[in-house]
Amino acid sequence: MVFSALRDQASRIEAEAMMFISSGVCGPSEIEQSLKQMGEACALRELASKIIKAQEVDEHGVPA
């Protein structure tokens, strides 16, 4: 189920990217850079969430 949702999302992103490229809005390199930045932002949010949870454990002695 998770893999199906991921495939659907990847297909949607690919279709949108092809639309932007074919319309001349941006090129493949701009799309690649945007996706990379989105991935980095997602990774940073995940890391921040883990840090916050670890701090809560330190403050209270038990997991949140």
C-alpha atoms as a PDB file:
ATOM      1  CA  MET A   1       0.000   0.000   0.000  1.00  0.00           C
ATOM      2  CA  VAL A   2       2.789   2.418   0.902  1.00  0.00           C
ATOM      3  CA  PHE A   3       4.706   1.519  -2.247  1.00  0.00           C
ATOM      4  CA  SER A   4       1.607   2.056  -4.362  1.00  0.00           C
ATOM      5  CA  ALA A   5       1.142   5.530  -2.879  1.00  0.00           C
ATOM      6  CA  LEU A   6       4.814   6.328  -3.470  1.00  0.00           C
ATOM      7  CA  ARG A   7       4.583   5.151  -7.090  1.00  0.00           C
ATOM      8  CA  ASP A   8       1.476   7.280  -7.610  1.00  0.00           C
ATOM      9  CA  GLN A   9       3.209  10.322  -6.146  1.00  0.00           C
ATOM     10  CA  ALA A  10       6.329   9.714  -8.253  1.00  0.00           C
ATOM     11  CA  SER A  11       4.189   9.393 -11.391  1.00  0.00           C
ATOM     12  CA  ARG A  12       2.408  12.650 -10.574  1.00  0.00           C
ATOM     13  CA  ILE A  13       5.713  14.473  -9.985  1.00  0.00           C
ATOM     14  CA  GLU A  14       7.113  13.083 -13.234  1.00  0.00           C
ATOM     15  CA  ALA A  15       4.015  14.173 -15.181  1.00  0.00           C
ATOM     16  CA  GLU A  16       4.172  17.672 -13.706  1.00  0.00           C
ATOM     17  CA  ALA A  17       7.898  17.912 -14.447  1.00  0.00           C
ATOM     18  CA  MET A  18       7.349  16.877 -18.068  1.00  0.00           C
ATOM     19  CA  MET A  19       4.575  19.478 -18.378  1.00  0.00           C
ATOM     20  CA  PHE A  20       6.881  22.244 -17.103  1.00  0.00           C
ATOM     21  CA  ILE A  21       9.716  21.139 -19.397  1.00  0.00           C
ATOM     22  CA  SER A  22       7.518  20.857 -22.498  1.00  0.00           C
ATOM     23  CA  SER A  23       5.895  24.246 -21.838  1.00  0.00           C
ATOM     24  CA  GLY A  24       9.303  25.886 -21.515  1.00  0.00           C
ATOM     25  CA  VAL A  25       8.665  27.079 -17.957  1.00  0.00           C
ATOM     26  CA  CYS A  26      11.877  25.461 -16.775  1.00  0.00           C
ATOM     27  CA  GLY A  27      14.385  22.847 -17.786  1.00  0.00           C
ATOM     28  CA  PRO A  28      15.365  19.481 -16.359  1.00  0.00           C
ATOM     29  CA  SER A  29      18.213  20.961 -14.314  1.00  0.00           C
ATOM     30  CA  GLU A  30      15.888  23.423 -12.551  1.00  0.00           C
ATOM     31  CA  ILE A  31      13.446  20.641 -11.746  1.00  0.00           C
ATOM     32  CA  GLU A  32      16.228  18.394 -10.491  1.00  0.00           C
ATOM     33  CA  GLN A  33      17.516  21.195  -8.253  1.00  0.00           C
ATOM     34  CA  SER A  34      14.016  21.878  -6.905  1.00  0.00           C
ATOM     35  CA  LEU A  35      13.467  18.204  -6.095  1.00  0.00           C
ATOM     36  CA  LYS A  36      16.850  18.038  -4.384  1.00  0.00           C
ATOM     37  CA  GLN A  37      16.000  21.088  -2.269  1.00  0.00           C
ATOM     38  CA  MET A  38      12.616  19.583  -1.379  1.00  0.00           C
ATOM     39  CA  GLY A  39      14.340  16.369  -0.304  1.00  0.00           C
ATOM     40  CA  GLU A  40      16.851  18.267   1.796  1.00  0.00           C
ATOM     41  CA  ALA A  41      14.057  20.265   3.436  1.00  0.00           C
ATOM     42  CA  CYS A  42      12.190  17.049   4.212  1.00  0.00           C
ATOM     43  CA  ALA A  43      15.320  15.508   5.723  1.00  0.00           C
ATOM     44  CA  LEU A  44      15.883  18.622   7.850  1.00  0.00           C
ATOM     45  CA  ARG A  45      12.284  18.510   9.128  1.00  0.00           C
ATOM     46  CA  GLU A  46      12.721  14.842  10.053  1.00  0.00           C
ATOM     47  CA  LEU A  47      15.987  15.592  11.857  1.00  0.00           C
ATOM     48  CA  ALA A  48      14.410  18.514  13.726  1.00  0.00           C
ATOM     49  CA  SER A  49      11.543  16.270  14.801  1.00  0.00           C
ATOM     50  CA  LYS A  50      13.982  13.676  16.154  1.00  0.00           C
ATOM     51  CA  ILE A  51      15.952  16.355  18.012  1.00  0.00           C
ATOM     52  CA  ILE A  52      12.769  17.745  19.590  1.00  0.00           C
ATOM     53  CA  LYS A  53      11.699  14.267  20.701  1.00  0.00           C
ATOM     54  CA  ALA A  54      15.160  13.603  22.163  1.00  0.00           C
ATOM     55  CA  GLN A  55      15.042  16.917  24.060  1.00  0.00           C
ATOM     56  CA  GLU A  56      11.618  16.046  25.459  1.00  0.00           C
ATOM     57  CA  VAL A  57      12.993  12.733  26.712  1.00  0.00           C
ATOM     58  CA  ASP A  58      15.938  14.520  28.339  1.00  0.00           C
ATOM     59  CA  GLU A  59      13.663  17.059  30.038  1.00  0.00           C
ATOM     60  CA  HIS A  60      11.100  14.586  31.334  1.00  0.00           C
ATOM     61  CA  GLY A  61      13.054  11.350  31.546  1.00  0.00           C
ATOM     62  CA  VAL A  62      10.479   9.480  29.480  1.00  0.00           C
ATOM     63  CA  PRO A  63       9.741   9.408  25.760  1.00  0.00           C
ATOM     64  CA  ALA A  64       7.079  11.865  24.590  1.00  0.00           C
END
